[in-house]
Protein backbone atom coordinates (compact mmCIF):
# COMPACT_ATOMS: atom_id res chain seq x y z
CA MET A 1 11.35 -18.46 17.52
CA PHE A 2 7.85 -17.42 18.64
CA SER A 3 6.82 -16.07 22.02
CA HIS A 4 3.08 -16.35 21.37
CA VAL A 5 0.30 -16.72 18.82
CA MET A 6 -2.99 -14.82 19.24
CA ILE A 7 -6.09 -15.38 17.14
CA GLY A 8 -9.27 -13.36 16.91
CA ALA A 9 -12.72 -14.62 17.85
CA ASP A 10 -16.01 -12.78 18.24
CA ASP A 11 -17.12 -15.25 20.94
CA VAL A 12 -14.10 -15.90 23.17
CA GLN A 13 -16.07 -18.23 25.48
CA GLU A 14 -17.16 -20.44 22.56
CA SER A 15 -13.58 -20.57 21.30
CA LYS A 16 -12.31 -21.29 24.83
CA ARG A 17 -14.61 -24.34 25.08
CA PHE A 18 -13.27 -25.58 21.73
CA TYR A 19 -9.58 -24.98 22.57
CA ASP A 20 -9.97 -26.35 26.12
CA ALA A 21 -11.20 -29.59 24.47
CA ILE A 22 -8.55 -29.93 21.74
CA LEU A 23 -5.63 -28.74 23.83
CA GLY A 24 -6.88 -30.82 26.77
CA ALA A 25 -6.70 -33.86 24.46
CA MET A 26 -3.00 -33.01 24.09
CA GLY A 27 -2.46 -32.75 27.85
CA TYR A 28 -2.61 -28.95 28.29
CA ASP A 29 -4.47 -27.11 31.04
CA ALA A 30 -7.64 -25.12 30.35
CA GLY A 31 -7.23 -21.54 29.19
CA VAL A 32 -7.17 -18.63 31.62
CA ILE A 33 -9.35 -15.56 31.01
CA ASP A 34 -7.77 -12.22 31.92
CA ASP A 35 -9.52 -9.02 33.03
CA LYS A 36 -9.81 -7.89 29.39
CA GLY A 37 -11.71 -11.06 28.39
CA ARG A 38 -8.79 -12.63 26.52
CA CYS A 39 -8.00 -16.34 26.92
CA PHE A 40 -4.43 -17.61 27.38
CA TYR A 41 -2.89 -21.09 27.26
CA PHE A 42 0.56 -21.07 28.84
CA THR A 43 3.24 -23.68 28.08
CA ASN A 44 6.96 -23.95 28.71
CA THR A 45 7.65 -23.01 25.09
CA GLY A 46 5.14 -20.24 24.41
CA VAL A 47 1.61 -18.90 24.73
CA PHE A 48 -1.50 -19.42 22.63
CA ALA A 49 -4.19 -16.77 23.05
CA ILE A 50 -7.70 -15.84 21.89
CA SER A 51 -9.06 -12.29 21.85
CA LYS A 52 -11.82 -10.19 20.41
CA PRO A 53 -10.23 -7.85 17.86
CA ILE A 54 -9.12 -4.68 19.62
CA ASN A 55 -10.28 -2.50 16.72
CA GLY A 56 -13.92 -3.42 17.45
CA GLU A 57 -14.46 -5.06 14.07
CA SER A 58 -15.52 -8.66 13.57
CA ALA A 59 -12.89 -11.37 13.79
CA CYS A 60 -12.00 -13.15 10.56
CA HIS A 61 -9.64 -15.96 9.66
CA GLY A 62 -6.42 -15.34 7.79
CA ASN A 63 -6.72 -16.61 4.24
CA GLY A 64 -3.68 -18.84 3.74
CA SER A 65 -2.90 -18.98 7.47
CA THR A 66 -2.62 -22.16 9.50
CA ILE A 67 -1.62 -22.56 13.14
CA GLY A 68 -0.03 -25.93 13.91
CA PHE A 69 0.13 -27.72 17.25
CA SER A 70 2.82 -30.37 17.86
CA ALA A 71 1.62 -33.79 18.95
CA ASP A 72 3.67 -36.55 20.60
CA THR A 73 1.93 -39.41 18.78
CA PRO A 74 -0.53 -40.08 15.94
CA ALA A 75 -3.05 -41.13 18.62
CA THR A 76 -2.76 -37.65 20.14
CA VAL A 77 -3.51 -36.13 16.72
CA ASP A 78 -6.60 -38.35 16.45
CA ALA A 79 -7.75 -37.40 19.97
CA TRP A 80 -7.22 -33.70 19.13
CA HIS A 81 -9.26 -34.04 15.94
CA LEU A 82 -12.09 -35.95 17.63
CA ALA A 83 -12.28 -33.41 20.48
CA GLY A 84 -12.39 -30.63 17.90
CA THR A 85 -15.22 -32.11 15.84
CA LYS A 86 -17.23 -32.73 19.02
CA ASN A 87 -16.78 -29.11 20.16
CA GLY A 88 -17.67 -26.99 17.14
CA GLY A 89 -14.72 -27.62 14.83
CA VAL A 90 -15.09 -28.65 11.21
CA THR A 91 -12.70 -30.99 9.40
CA CYS A 92 -10.90 -29.39 6.47
CA GLU A 93 -8.44 -30.78 3.95
CA ASN A 94 -7.98 -34.57 4.11
CA PRO A 95 -9.04 -36.75 7.05
CA PRO A 96 -6.40 -37.36 9.76
CA GLY A 97 -3.56 -39.47 8.44
CA VAL A 98 -0.04 -39.74 7.09
CA ARG A 99 1.19 -36.98 4.80
CA GLU A 100 4.19 -37.92 2.65
CA LEU A 101 6.36 -34.86 2.12
CA PRO A 102 9.82 -34.33 0.61
CA LEU A 103 11.16 -33.31 4.04
CA GLY A 104 9.76 -36.42 5.75
CA ASN A 105 6.47 -38.02 6.65
CA LEU A 106 4.13 -36.68 9.27
CA TYR A 107 0.75 -37.55 10.72
CA ALA A 108 -1.64 -34.61 10.57
CA ALA A 109 -5.23 -33.49 11.04
CA TYR A 110 -6.77 -30.13 10.07
CA LEU A 111 -9.77 -28.27 11.47
CA ARG A 112 -11.53 -24.94 11.22
CA ASP A 113 -12.23 -23.64 14.73
CA PRO A 114 -15.60 -22.03 15.62
CA ALA A 115 -14.27 -18.64 14.44
CA GLY A 116 -13.10 -20.07 11.09
CA ASN A 117 -9.36 -20.17 11.85
CA LYS A 118 -7.51 -23.06 10.19
CA ILE A 119 -5.51 -25.14 12.66
CA CYS A 120 -3.73 -28.48 12.59
CA ALA A 121 -2.12 -31.04 14.85
CA ILE A 122 1.02 -32.71 13.57
CA HIS A 123 3.17 -35.61 14.73
CA ARG A 124 6.52 -35.67 12.95
CA TYR A 125 8.06 -39.08 12.45
CA ASP A 126 11.80 -39.32 13.22
């Protein structure tokens, strides 16, 4: 459904360090900076990117927005969360753990990245 997701950050290098850590904990390669100073993480299923806002204004998080990353196991979610808290992320919502939902249980962790964006890692149980 999605080709890419791009978030805004005033300090792309700080955000790159954070995302290199959390996405590295999930097995992804470090981000690549292009000639415009944007950072890209390429996968077989899409692209995640970080950029300073092109309108020159400060970056801000989307109120009510969450970007979710799929994890293969609950241990991967925990590694993602730990890497995030060690690299400038702040835990939000409940601690990592099982969430019981009407559509099925999942294991999730939520963070605010250094720019204030709300993100999560989720392992869906079969």
